[in-house]
Amino acid sequence: TAVGGCWVWASTAAEVAYLVSWNFTSTPTWTSNQSYRVKVRVKDVAGNSTVFTRDFIYDNSGNPSVGIISPKNNNSYNNSNNALASIAGTASDSFQILSASVAVRETVSEMCWSVGGGTFSIPSVAGECPANAWYTSETLAGGPPTYNWSWIDVIGFKDHYSYQVKARTADQSGKTNITSYITFYYDLTKPTST
């Protein structure tokens, strides 16, 4: 029922401890990637009223995409002519990407990198690095729709070890996506000849 202007009555429940829940189910057909503003006017029995405003963007576009461009899958790296300067990639979404995160682990032991400990000391859980082994990228630039991200830490990669990296991204509506592990190798030993 119209109350005047754009104001419409909402359904209310019984008052419990001075609180009244309400809902409004006659919503419009939302358009993805569109900004909306909702205002709620509340009036008590004494005639006092307050208006609350909430702005939001409706996101029906699906999950964001994320990829790793460095290191390359199945490539070998060292500390000199083929150094791994950073872990980097891209993320894409119709809306704003809020974060990109990475997890790094040793392939054989499945121990995940600990920034605080400076070692591969966080055990994988069910084959995955746990929440405390994910680190947010320092840089997130570009977009929308495509963003570039990178993460740098002084990781003590060991000679003749295999490592795995995963990346994860989240958009402003809270939707996430995650890559599969990519594998790379560290080889610090120079070849010899006899």
N, C-alpha and C. Protein backbone atom coordinates (compact mmCIF):
# COMPACT_ATOMS: atom_id res chain seq x y z
N THR A 1 0.85 -1.19 0.00
CA THR A 1 0.00 0.00 0.00
C THR A 1 0.89 1.24 0.00
N ALA A 2 0.65 2.14 -0.91
CA ALA A 2 1.45 3.36 -0.97
C ALA A 2 1.14 4.25 0.20
N VAL A 3 2.19 4.80 0.82
CA VAL A 3 2.02 5.65 1.98
C VAL A 3 2.25 7.11 1.61
N GLY A 4 2.71 7.36 0.45
CA GLY A 4 3.03 8.72 0.01
C GLY A 4 4.38 8.73 -0.67
N GLY A 5 4.46 9.28 -1.86
CA GLY A 5 5.70 9.24 -2.61
C GLY A 5 6.08 7.82 -2.93
N CYS A 6 7.34 7.47 -2.64
CA CYS A 6 7.82 6.11 -2.89
C CYS A 6 7.73 5.22 -1.66
N TRP A 7 7.20 5.72 -0.57
CA TRP A 7 7.16 4.94 0.66
C TRP A 7 6.05 3.89 0.58
N VAL A 8 6.39 2.67 0.95
CA VAL A 8 5.45 1.54 0.91
C VAL A 8 5.54 0.81 2.24
N TRP A 9 4.40 0.36 2.76
CA TRP A 9 4.38 -0.38 4.03
C TRP A 9 5.16 -1.69 3.90
N ALA A 10 5.84 -2.06 4.96
CA ALA A 10 6.51 -3.36 5.03
C ALA A 10 5.82 -4.20 6.09
N SER A 11 5.92 -5.51 5.97
CA SER A 11 5.34 -6.41 6.97
C SER A 11 6.17 -6.34 8.24
N THR A 12 5.49 -6.33 9.37
CA THR A 12 6.20 -6.31 10.64
C THR A 12 5.72 -7.45 11.52
N ALA A 13 6.61 -7.88 12.40
CA ALA A 13 6.28 -8.94 13.35
C ALA A 13 5.92 -8.29 14.68
N ALA A 14 5.58 -9.12 15.64
CA ALA A 14 5.25 -8.62 16.98
C ALA A 14 6.50 -8.06 17.66
N GLU A 15 6.30 -7.05 18.48
CA GLU A 15 7.41 -6.46 19.22
C GLU A 15 7.89 -7.40 20.31
N VAL A 16 9.20 -7.60 20.35
CA VAL A 16 9.82 -8.42 21.39
C VAL A 16 10.98 -7.63 21.96
N ALA A 17 10.92 -7.31 23.24
CA ALA A 17 11.98 -6.55 23.93
C ALA A 17 12.32 -5.27 23.18
N TYR A 18 11.30 -4.54 22.77
CA TYR A 18 11.40 -3.26 22.07
C TYR A 18 11.97 -3.39 20.66
N LEU A 19 12.03 -4.58 20.12
CA LEU A 19 12.52 -4.80 18.76
C LEU A 19 11.39 -5.34 17.90
N VAL A 20 11.29 -4.83 16.69
CA VAL A 20 10.29 -5.30 15.73
C VAL A 20 11.01 -5.65 14.45
N SER A 21 10.95 -6.91 14.05
CA SER A 21 11.55 -7.29 12.76
C SER A 21 10.56 -6.96 11.64
N TRP A 22 11.08 -6.72 10.48
CA TRP A 22 10.25 -6.39 9.33
C TRP A 22 10.84 -6.99 8.07
N ASN A 23 10.03 -7.10 7.05
CA ASN A 23 10.54 -7.50 5.73
C ASN A 23 9.66 -6.90 4.65
N PHE A 24 10.25 -6.81 3.47
CA PHE A 24 9.56 -6.27 2.32
C PHE A 24 9.88 -7.20 1.15
N THR A 25 8.88 -7.88 0.65
CA THR A 25 9.12 -8.92 -0.37
C THR A 25 8.75 -8.49 -1.77
N SER A 26 8.11 -7.36 -1.93
CA SER A 26 7.70 -6.92 -3.25
C SER A 26 8.82 -6.08 -3.87
N THR A 27 9.95 -6.75 -4.18
CA THR A 27 11.11 -6.05 -4.71
C THR A 27 11.05 -5.99 -6.23
N PRO A 28 11.77 -5.05 -6.81
CA PRO A 28 11.79 -4.96 -8.28
C PRO A 28 12.64 -6.08 -8.87
N THR A 29 12.66 -6.16 -10.17
CA THR A 29 13.57 -7.08 -10.87
C THR A 29 14.93 -6.40 -10.90
N TRP A 30 15.90 -6.97 -10.15
CA TRP A 30 17.21 -6.36 -10.04
C TRP A 30 17.99 -6.56 -11.33
N THR A 31 18.78 -5.56 -11.70
CA THR A 31 19.64 -5.62 -12.87
C THR A 31 21.09 -5.74 -12.40
N SER A 32 21.81 -6.74 -12.91
CA SER A 32 23.18 -6.94 -12.51
C SER A 32 24.04 -5.74 -12.89
N ASN A 33 25.01 -5.41 -12.04
CA ASN A 33 25.93 -4.29 -12.23
C ASN A 33 25.23 -2.94 -12.13
N GLN A 34 24.12 -2.90 -11.42
CA GLN A 34 23.37 -1.66 -11.23
C GLN A 34 23.43 -1.24 -9.77
N SER A 35 23.60 0.06 -9.53
CA SER A 35 23.60 0.59 -8.16
C SER A 35 22.17 0.86 -7.72
N TYR A 36 21.91 0.56 -6.46
CA TYR A 36 20.58 0.80 -5.89
C TYR A 36 20.71 1.47 -4.53
N ARG A 37 19.66 2.16 -4.14
CA ARG A 37 19.58 2.76 -2.81
C ARG A 37 18.24 2.36 -2.20
N VAL A 38 18.31 1.85 -0.99
CA VAL A 38 17.12 1.49 -0.24
C VAL A 38 17.04 2.40 0.98
N LYS A 39 15.86 2.96 1.20
CA LYS A 39 15.63 3.76 2.40
C LYS A 39 14.54 3.10 3.22
N VAL A 40 14.74 3.09 4.52
CA VAL A 40 13.76 2.54 5.45
C VAL A 40 13.40 3.64 6.44
N ARG A 41 12.11 3.90 6.55
CA ARG A 41 11.64 4.89 7.53
C ARG A 41 10.94 4.14 8.65
N VAL A 42 11.38 4.40 9.86
CA VAL A 42 10.84 3.73 11.04
C VAL A 42 10.14 4.78 11.90
N LYS A 43 8.92 4.46 12.35
CA LYS A 43 8.17 5.39 13.20
C LYS A 43 7.67 4.63 14.42
N ASP A 44 7.85 5.24 15.60
CA ASP A 44 7.35 4.59 16.81
C ASP A 44 5.95 5.11 17.16
N VAL A 45 5.35 4.58 18.22
CA VAL A 45 3.98 4.94 18.58
C VAL A 45 3.87 6.39 19.04
N ALA A 46 4.98 6.98 19.45
CA ALA A 46 4.97 8.38 19.88
C ALA A 46 5.09 9.34 18.71
N GLY A 47 5.30 8.80 17.50
CA GLY A 47 5.41 9.64 16.32
C GLY A 47 6.83 10.01 15.94
N ASN A 48 7.83 9.53 16.69
CA ASN A 48 9.23 9.78 16.33
C ASN A 48 9.58 8.92 15.12
N SER A 49 10.35 9.47 14.19
CA SER A 49 10.73 8.68 13.01
C SER A 49 12.19 8.89 12.66
N THR A 50 12.77 7.89 12.03
CA THR A 50 14.15 7.91 11.57
C THR A 50 14.20 7.24 10.20
N VAL A 51 15.08 7.75 9.33
CA VAL A 51 15.27 7.15 8.00
C VAL A 51 16.68 6.57 7.94
N PHE A 52 16.77 5.31 7.52
CA PHE A 52 18.05 4.63 7.32
C PHE A 52 18.24 4.41 5.82
N THR A 53 19.46 4.63 5.34
CA THR A 53 19.75 4.48 3.91
C THR A 53 20.84 3.44 3.72
N ARG A 54 20.67 2.60 2.72
CA ARG A 54 21.69 1.59 2.39
C ARG A 54 21.86 1.58 0.87
N ASP A 55 23.10 1.79 0.39
CA ASP A 55 23.42 1.71 -1.03
C ASP A 55 24.08 0.37 -1.31
N PHE A 56 23.79 -0.21 -2.46
CA PHE A 56 24.42 -1.47 -2.83
C PHE A 56 24.43 -1.62 -4.34
N ILE A 57 25.28 -2.52 -4.80
CA ILE A 57 25.33 -2.89 -6.22
C ILE A 57 24.89 -4.34 -6.31
N TYR A 58 23.94 -4.60 -7.19
CA TYR A 58 23.46 -5.97 -7.37
C TYR A 58 24.43 -6.71 -8.31
N ASP A 59 24.94 -7.85 -7.85
CA ASP A 59 25.94 -8.62 -8.60
C ASP A 59 25.41 -10.01 -8.87
N ASN A 60 25.07 -10.25 -10.13
CA ASN A 60 24.57 -11.56 -10.55
C ASN A 60 25.47 -12.12 -11.65
N SER A 61 26.75 -11.73 -11.61
CA SER A 61 27.65 -12.01 -12.73
C SER A 61 28.44 -13.29 -12.60
N GLY A 62 28.31 -14.02 -11.51
CA GLY A 62 29.11 -15.23 -11.34
C GLY A 62 30.38 -14.94 -10.57
N ASN A 63 31.17 -15.97 -10.38
CA ASN A 63 32.40 -15.83 -9.59
C ASN A 63 33.48 -15.11 -10.37
N PRO A 64 34.37 -14.40 -9.67
CA PRO A 64 35.50 -13.77 -10.35
C PRO A 64 36.46 -14.85 -10.85
N SER A 65 37.27 -14.48 -11.83
CA SER A 65 38.29 -15.42 -12.32
C SER A 65 39.64 -15.01 -11.76
N VAL A 66 40.55 -15.97 -11.65
CA VAL A 66 41.89 -15.69 -11.14
C VAL A 66 42.87 -16.63 -11.83
N GLY A 67 44.07 -16.12 -12.12
CA GLY A 67 45.10 -16.93 -12.75
C GLY A 67 46.48 -16.55 -12.27
N ILE A 68 47.42 -17.46 -12.41
CA ILE A 68 48.81 -17.24 -12.02
C ILE A 68 49.64 -17.13 -13.29
N ILE A 69 50.42 -16.04 -13.42
CA ILE A 69 51.29 -15.90 -14.59
C ILE A 69 52.75 -16.10 -14.22
N SER A 70 53.09 -15.97 -12.93
CA SER A 70 54.45 -16.21 -12.46
C SER A 70 54.37 -16.79 -11.06
N PRO A 71 54.96 -17.95 -10.85
CA PRO A 71 55.80 -18.75 -11.74
C PRO A 71 54.97 -19.49 -12.79
N LYS A 72 55.65 -19.92 -13.82
CA LYS A 72 55.02 -20.73 -14.85
C LYS A 72 54.95 -22.18 -14.39
N ASN A 73 53.88 -22.84 -14.75
CA ASN A 73 53.71 -24.24 -14.37
C ASN A 73 54.82 -25.11 -14.97
N ASN A 74 55.44 -25.93 -14.14
CA ASN A 74 56.49 -26.88 -14.52
C ASN A 74 57.80 -26.22 -14.97
N ASN A 75 57.99 -24.93 -14.67
CA ASN A 75 59.25 -24.27 -14.97
C ASN A 75 60.22 -24.43 -13.81
N SER A 76 61.53 -24.26 -14.12
CA SER A 76 62.58 -24.28 -13.11
C SER A 76 63.14 -22.88 -12.91
N TYR A 77 63.48 -22.54 -11.68
CA TYR A 77 63.98 -21.22 -11.32
C TYR A 77 65.25 -21.36 -10.49
N ASN A 78 66.05 -20.26 -10.46
CA ASN A 78 67.24 -20.22 -9.62
C ASN A 78 67.37 -18.82 -9.03
N ASN A 79 68.50 -18.51 -8.42
CA ASN A 79 68.66 -17.20 -7.79
C ASN A 79 69.41 -16.20 -8.66
N SER A 80 69.75 -16.57 -9.90
CA SER A 80 70.54 -15.64 -10.71
C SER A 80 69.84 -15.30 -12.02
N ASN A 81 70.10 -16.05 -13.09
CA ASN A 81 69.59 -15.66 -14.40
C ASN A 81 68.12 -16.02 -14.63
N ASN A 82 67.53 -16.81 -13.76
CA ASN A 82 66.11 -17.15 -13.90
C ASN A 82 65.45 -17.10 -12.52
N ALA A 83 65.60 -15.95 -11.87
CA ALA A 83 65.09 -15.79 -10.50
C ALA A 83 63.58 -15.58 -10.52
N LEU A 84 62.94 -16.02 -9.46
CA LEU A 84 61.51 -15.82 -9.29
C LEU A 84 61.33 -14.54 -8.47
N ALA A 85 61.11 -13.42 -9.17
CA ALA A 85 61.05 -12.11 -8.50
C ALA A 85 59.79 -11.94 -7.66
N SER A 86 58.67 -12.52 -8.12
CA SER A 86 57.42 -12.40 -7.37
C SER A 86 56.47 -13.49 -7.84
N ILE A 87 55.44 -13.69 -7.07
CA ILE A 87 54.33 -14.53 -7.49
C ILE A 87 53.27 -13.56 -7.97
N ALA A 88 52.82 -13.71 -9.20
CA ALA A 88 51.95 -12.71 -9.80
C ALA A 88 50.90 -13.35 -10.68
N GLY A 89 49.84 -12.59 -10.93
CA GLY A 89 48.78 -13.11 -11.78
C GLY A 89 47.76 -12.05 -12.11
N THR A 90 46.62 -12.52 -12.58
CA THR A 90 45.51 -11.64 -12.95
C THR A 90 44.24 -12.11 -12.26
N ALA A 91 43.31 -11.18 -12.13
CA ALA A 91 41.97 -11.48 -11.63
C ALA A 91 41.00 -10.67 -12.45
N SER A 92 39.82 -11.23 -12.68
CA SER A 92 38.85 -10.54 -13.52
C SER A 92 37.46 -10.68 -12.94
N ASP A 93 36.70 -9.59 -13.00
CA ASP A 93 35.33 -9.59 -12.51
C ASP A 93 34.61 -8.37 -13.08
N SER A 94 33.31 -8.49 -13.27
CA SER A 94 32.52 -7.35 -13.76
C SER A 94 32.49 -6.23 -12.74
N PHE A 95 32.69 -6.58 -11.47
CA PHE A 95 32.70 -5.60 -10.39
C PHE A 95 34.13 -5.47 -9.87
N GLN A 96 34.28 -4.82 -8.77
CA GLN A 96 35.60 -4.57 -8.21
C GLN A 96 36.16 -5.81 -7.53
N ILE A 97 37.41 -6.15 -7.87
CA ILE A 97 38.15 -7.18 -7.14
C ILE A 97 38.68 -6.54 -5.87
N LEU A 98 38.40 -7.15 -4.73
CA LEU A 98 38.85 -6.59 -3.46
C LEU A 98 40.20 -7.12 -3.04
N SER A 99 40.49 -8.39 -3.36
CA SER A 99 41.77 -8.95 -2.91
C SER A 99 42.18 -10.12 -3.78
N ALA A 100 43.47 -10.36 -3.79
CA ALA A 100 44.05 -11.57 -4.37
C ALA A 100 45.02 -12.10 -3.32
N SER A 101 45.00 -13.41 -3.10
CA SER A 101 45.84 -14.03 -2.08
C SER A 101 46.56 -15.22 -2.67
N VAL A 102 47.68 -15.59 -2.04
CA VAL A 102 48.45 -16.75 -2.50
C VAL A 102 48.82 -17.65 -1.33
N ALA A 103 49.02 -18.92 -1.66
CA ALA A 103 49.55 -19.90 -0.72
C ALA A 103 50.64 -20.67 -1.44
N VAL A 104 51.77 -20.89 -0.76
CA VAL A 104 52.91 -21.59 -1.34
C VAL A 104 53.25 -22.76 -0.42
N ARG A 105 53.55 -23.92 -1.01
CA ARG A 105 53.92 -25.08 -0.19
C ARG A 105 54.96 -25.92 -0.90
N GLU A 106 55.71 -26.71 -0.10
CA GLU A 106 56.62 -27.71 -0.65
C GLU A 106 55.76 -28.85 -1.18
N THR A 107 56.09 -29.36 -2.36
CA THR A 107 55.27 -30.38 -3.00
C THR A 107 55.27 -31.68 -2.21
N VAL A 108 56.45 -32.19 -1.83
CA VAL A 108 56.55 -33.50 -1.20
C VAL A 108 56.01 -33.49 0.22
N SER A 109 56.46 -32.55 1.04
CA SER A 109 56.05 -32.51 2.45
C SER A 109 54.66 -31.91 2.63
N GLU A 110 54.19 -31.14 1.66
CA GLU A 110 52.94 -30.40 1.73
C GLU A 110 52.91 -29.42 2.90
N MET A 111 54.10 -28.97 3.32
CA MET A 111 54.19 -27.93 4.35
C MET A 111 54.08 -26.56 3.67
N CYS A 112 53.22 -25.71 4.22
CA CYS A 112 52.94 -24.40 3.63
C CYS A 112 53.84 -23.33 4.23
N TRP A 113 54.08 -22.30 3.41
CA TRP A 113 54.95 -21.20 3.83
C TRP A 113 54.33 -20.40 4.96
N SER A 114 55.14 -20.08 5.96
CA SER A 114 54.73 -19.23 7.07
C SER A 114 55.53 -17.93 6.99
N VAL A 115 54.85 -16.82 6.72
CA VAL A 115 55.53 -15.53 6.65
C VAL A 115 56.14 -15.19 8.00
N GLY A 116 55.37 -15.39 9.08
CA GLY A 116 55.87 -15.07 10.42
C GLY A 116 57.03 -15.95 10.84
N GLY A 117 56.98 -17.22 10.46
CA GLY A 117 58.05 -18.15 10.84
C GLY A 117 59.21 -18.15 9.88
N GLY A 118 59.00 -17.66 8.65
CA GLY A 118 60.06 -17.64 7.66
C GLY A 118 60.48 -19.03 7.20
N THR A 119 59.58 -20.00 7.32
CA THR A 119 59.87 -21.38 6.92
C THR A 119 58.60 -22.03 6.37
N PHE A 120 58.79 -23.18 5.77
CA PHE A 120 57.66 -24.01 5.36
C PHE A 120 57.28 -24.86 6.58
N SER A 121 56.41 -24.31 7.43
CA SER A 121 56.14 -24.96 8.72
C SER A 121 54.66 -25.13 9.04
N ILE A 122 53.78 -24.73 8.12
CA ILE A 122 52.35 -24.87 8.37
C ILE A 122 51.85 -26.11 7.63
N PRO A 123 51.37 -27.13 8.34
CA PRO A 123 50.92 -28.36 7.67
C PRO A 123 49.67 -28.13 6.83
N SER A 124 49.63 -28.79 5.68
CA SER A 124 48.41 -28.80 4.87
C SER A 124 47.32 -29.56 5.62
N VAL A 125 46.08 -29.20 5.36
CA VAL A 125 44.94 -29.88 5.94
C VAL A 125 44.10 -30.41 4.78
N ALA A 126 43.94 -31.73 4.72
CA ALA A 126 43.19 -32.37 3.63
C ALA A 126 43.72 -31.94 2.26
N GLY A 127 45.06 -31.84 2.17
CA GLY A 127 45.68 -31.51 0.89
C GLY A 127 45.68 -30.04 0.52
N GLU A 128 45.24 -29.16 1.43
CA GLU A 128 45.17 -27.73 1.14
C GLU A 128 45.89 -26.93 2.23
N CYS A 129 46.46 -25.80 1.84
CA CYS A 129 47.03 -24.89 2.83
C CYS A 129 45.89 -24.27 3.63
N PRO A 130 45.99 -24.26 4.97
CA PRO A 130 44.92 -23.70 5.79
C PRO A 130 44.86 -22.17 5.69
N ALA A 131 43.85 -21.58 6.30
CA ALA A 131 43.61 -20.13 6.20
C ALA A 131 44.81 -19.30 6.64
N ASN A 132 45.56 -19.75 7.66
CA ASN A 132 46.69 -18.96 8.15
C ASN A 132 47.92 -19.06 7.26
N ALA A 133 47.83 -19.78 6.15
CA ALA A 133 48.94 -19.89 5.20
C ALA A 133 48.63 -19.17 3.88
N TRP A 134 47.57 -18.36 3.87
CA TRP A 134 47.23 -17.55 2.70
C TRP A 134 47.63 -16.11 2.97
N TYR A 135 48.25 -15.46 1.97
CA TYR A 135 48.76 -14.11 2.15
C TYR A 135 48.24 -13.20 1.03
N THR A 136 47.75 -12.03 1.43
CA THR A 136 47.16 -11.08 0.49
C THR A 136 48.25 -10.39 -0.31
N SER A 137 48.02 -10.25 -1.61
CA SER A 137 49.00 -9.62 -2.49
C SER A 137 49.20 -8.15 -2.09
N GLU A 138 50.46 -7.69 -2.27
CA GLU A 138 50.78 -6.30 -1.95
C GLU A 138 50.25 -5.34 -2.99
N THR A 139 50.18 -5.79 -4.23
CA THR A 139 49.71 -4.92 -5.31
C THR A 139 48.47 -5.51 -5.96
N LEU A 140 47.53 -4.64 -6.25
CA LEU A 140 46.32 -4.99 -6.98
C LEU A 140 45.96 -3.76 -7.80
N ALA A 141 46.18 -3.82 -9.10
CA ALA A 141 46.03 -2.64 -9.94
C ALA A 141 45.22 -2.97 -11.18
N GLY A 142 44.64 -1.91 -11.76
CA GLY A 142 43.87 -2.06 -12.99
C GLY A 142 42.40 -2.24 -12.72
N GLY A 143 41.70 -2.78 -13.74
CA GLY A 143 40.31 -3.16 -13.65
C GLY A 143 39.34 -2.01 -13.48
N PRO A 144 38.05 -2.32 -13.39
CA PRO A 144 37.51 -3.58 -13.89
C PRO A 144 37.47 -3.60 -15.41
N PRO A 145 37.47 -4.73 -16.04
CA PRO A 145 37.26 -6.04 -15.43
C PRO A 145 38.54 -6.76 -15.03
N THR A 146 39.71 -6.42 -15.63
CA THR A 146 40.92 -7.21 -15.37
C THR A 146 41.88 -6.46 -14.46
N TYR A 147 42.35 -7.15 -13.44
CA TYR A 147 43.28 -6.60 -12.46
C TYR A 147 44.58 -7.41 -12.50
N ASN A 148 45.68 -6.77 -12.17
CA ASN A 148 46.97 -7.45 -12.01
C ASN A 148 47.34 -7.44 -10.54
N TRP A 149 47.85 -8.55 -10.04
CA TRP A 149 48.26 -8.64 -8.64
C TRP A 149 49.63 -9.26 -8.53
N SER A 150 50.33 -8.99 -7.43
CA SER A 150 51.62 -9.63 -7.18
C SER A 150 51.88 -9.71 -5.69
N TRP A 151 52.67 -10.70 -5.31
CA TRP A 151 53.03 -10.92 -3.91
C TRP A 151 54.51 -11.26 -3.85
N ILE A 152 55.22 -10.60 -2.94
CA ILE A 152 56.67 -10.80 -2.80
C ILE A 152 56.98 -11.12 -1.34
N ASP A 153 57.76 -12.16 -1.11
CA ASP A 153 58.28 -12.46 0.22
C ASP A 153 59.63 -13.14 0.02
N VAL A 154 60.50 -13.00 0.98
CA VAL A 154 61.82 -13.64 0.89
C VAL A 154 61.65 -15.09 1.34
N ILE A 155 61.35 -15.94 0.36
CA ILE A 155 61.12 -17.36 0.65
C ILE A 155 62.44 -18.11 0.45
N GLY A 156 62.79 -18.92 1.41
CA GLY A 156 64.01 -19.71 1.32
C GLY A 156 63.81 -20.97 0.50
N PHE A 157 63.75 -20.80 -0.81
CA PHE A 157 63.60 -21.97 -1.68
C PHE A 157 64.87 -22.80 -1.63
N LYS A 158 64.73 -24.12 -1.57
CA LYS A 158 65.87 -25.03 -1.45
C LYS A 158 66.21 -25.66 -2.79
N ASP A 159 67.48 -25.98 -2.93
CA ASP A 159 67.98 -26.60 -4.16
C ASP A 159 67.32 -27.96 -4.40
N HIS A 160 66.89 -28.17 -5.62
CA HIS A 160 66.28 -29.43 -6.07
C HIS A 160 64.97 -29.74 -5.35
N TYR A 161 64.25 -28.71 -4.96
CA TYR A 161 62.93 -28.88 -4.36
C TYR A 161 61.85 -28.47 -5.35
N SER A 162 60.71 -29.09 -5.20
CA SER A 162 59.53 -28.75 -5.99
C SER A 162 58.55 -28.01 -5.09
N TYR A 163 57.92 -26.98 -5.65
CA TYR A 163 56.98 -26.16 -4.88
C TYR A 163 55.67 -26.02 -5.64
N GLN A 164 54.62 -25.68 -4.90
CA GLN A 164 53.31 -25.47 -5.49
C GLN A 164 52.73 -24.15 -5.00
N VAL A 165 51.97 -23.50 -5.88
CA VAL A 165 51.34 -22.21 -5.58
C VAL A 165 49.88 -22.28 -5.98
N LYS A 166 49.03 -21.68 -5.15
CA LYS A 166 47.62 -21.46 -5.47
C LYS A 166 47.32 -19.99 -5.30
N ALA A 167 46.34 -19.49 -6.06
CA ALA A 167 45.89 -18.11 -5.91
C ALA A 167 44.38 -18.09 -5.71
N ARG A 168 43.94 -17.07 -4.99
CA ARG A 168 42.51 -16.93 -4.70
C ARG A 168 42.15 -15.46 -4.83
N THR A 169 40.95 -15.17 -5.28
CA THR A 169 40.49 -13.79 -5.38
C THR A 169 39.09 -13.67 -4.83
N ALA A 170 38.75 -12.44 -4.41
CA ALA A 170 37.41 -12.14 -3.90
C ALA A 170 36.95 -10.82 -4.48
N ASP A 171 35.66 -10.75 -4.86
CA ASP A 171 35.12 -9.49 -5.37
C ASP A 171 34.35 -8.77 -4.27
N GLN A 172 33.83 -7.59 -4.61
CA GLN A 172 33.19 -6.75 -3.59
C GLN A 172 31.90 -7.34 -3.04
N SER A 173 31.31 -8.30 -3.74
CA SER A 173 30.08 -8.91 -3.22
C SER A 173 30.38 -10.15 -2.39
N GLY A 174 31.68 -10.46 -2.22
CA GLY A 174 32.06 -11.59 -1.37
C GLY A 174 32.24 -12.90 -2.11
N LYS A 175 32.06 -12.90 -3.43
CA LYS A 175 32.25 -14.13 -4.20
C LYS A 175 33.75 -14.37 -4.42
N THR A 176 34.15 -15.64 -4.35
CA THR A 176 35.56 -15.99 -4.46
C THR A 176 35.78 -17.03 -5.55
N ASN A 177 37.02 -17.17 -5.94
CA ASN A 177 37.44 -18.23 -6.85
C ASN A 177 38.89 -18.57 -6.51
N ILE A 178 39.29 -19.79 -6.84
CA ILE A 178 40.61 -20.27 -6.48
C ILE A 178 41.17 -21.09 -7.64
N THR A 179 42.49 -21.00 -7.85
CA THR A 179 43.13 -21.78 -8.90
C THR A 179 43.47 -23.18 -8.38
N SER A 180 43.82 -24.05 -9.29
CA SER A 180 44.46 -25.31 -8.91
C SER A 180 45.91 -25.00 -8.59
N TYR A 181 46.59 -25.96 -7.94
CA TYR A 181 48.02 -25.77 -7.69
C TYR A 181 48.78 -25.78 -9.01
N ILE A 182 49.75 -24.87 -9.14
CA ILE A 182 50.73 -24.97 -10.21
C ILE A 182 52.04 -25.36 -9.54
N THR A 183 52.87 -26.11 -10.25
CA THR A 183 54.11 -26.65 -9.69
C THR A 183 55.30 -26.01 -10.38
N PHE A 184 56.32 -25.68 -9.59
CA PHE A 184 57.57 -25.18 -10.17
C PHE A 184 58.73 -25.77 -9.37
N TYR A 185 59.94 -25.64 -9.92
CA TYR A 185 61.13 -26.29 -9.35
C TYR A 185 62.21 -25.25 -9.09
N TYR A 186 63.01 -25.51 -8.07
CA TYR A 186 64.14 -24.64 -7.77
C TYR A 186 65.42 -25.44 -7.93
N ASP A 187 66.33 -24.92 -8.77
CA ASP A 187 67.59 -25.61 -9.06
C ASP A 187 68.73 -24.59 -8.95
N LEU A 188 69.50 -24.70 -7.88
CA LEU A 188 70.59 -23.76 -7.64
C LEU A 188 71.96 -24.33 -8.01
N THR A 189 72.00 -25.60 -8.38
CA THR A 189 73.28 -26.25 -8.65
C THR A 189 73.67 -26.08 -10.10
N LYS A 190 74.88 -25.55 -10.34
CA LYS A 190 75.36 -25.39 -11.70
C LYS A 190 75.78 -26.72 -12.26
N PRO A 191 75.57 -26.93 -13.55
CA PRO A 191 75.99 -28.21 -14.14
C PRO A 191 77.52 -28.35 -14.15
N THR A 192 77.98 -29.56 -14.14
CA THR A 192 79.42 -29.84 -14.20
C THR A 192 79.70 -30.72 -15.41
N SER A 193 80.96 -30.76 -15.78
CA SER A 193 81.36 -31.59 -16.90
C SER A 193 82.74 -32.21 -16.59
N THR A 194 82.90 -33.44 -16.98
CA THR A 194 84.19 -34.09 -16.76
C THR A 194 84.76 -34.57 -18.06
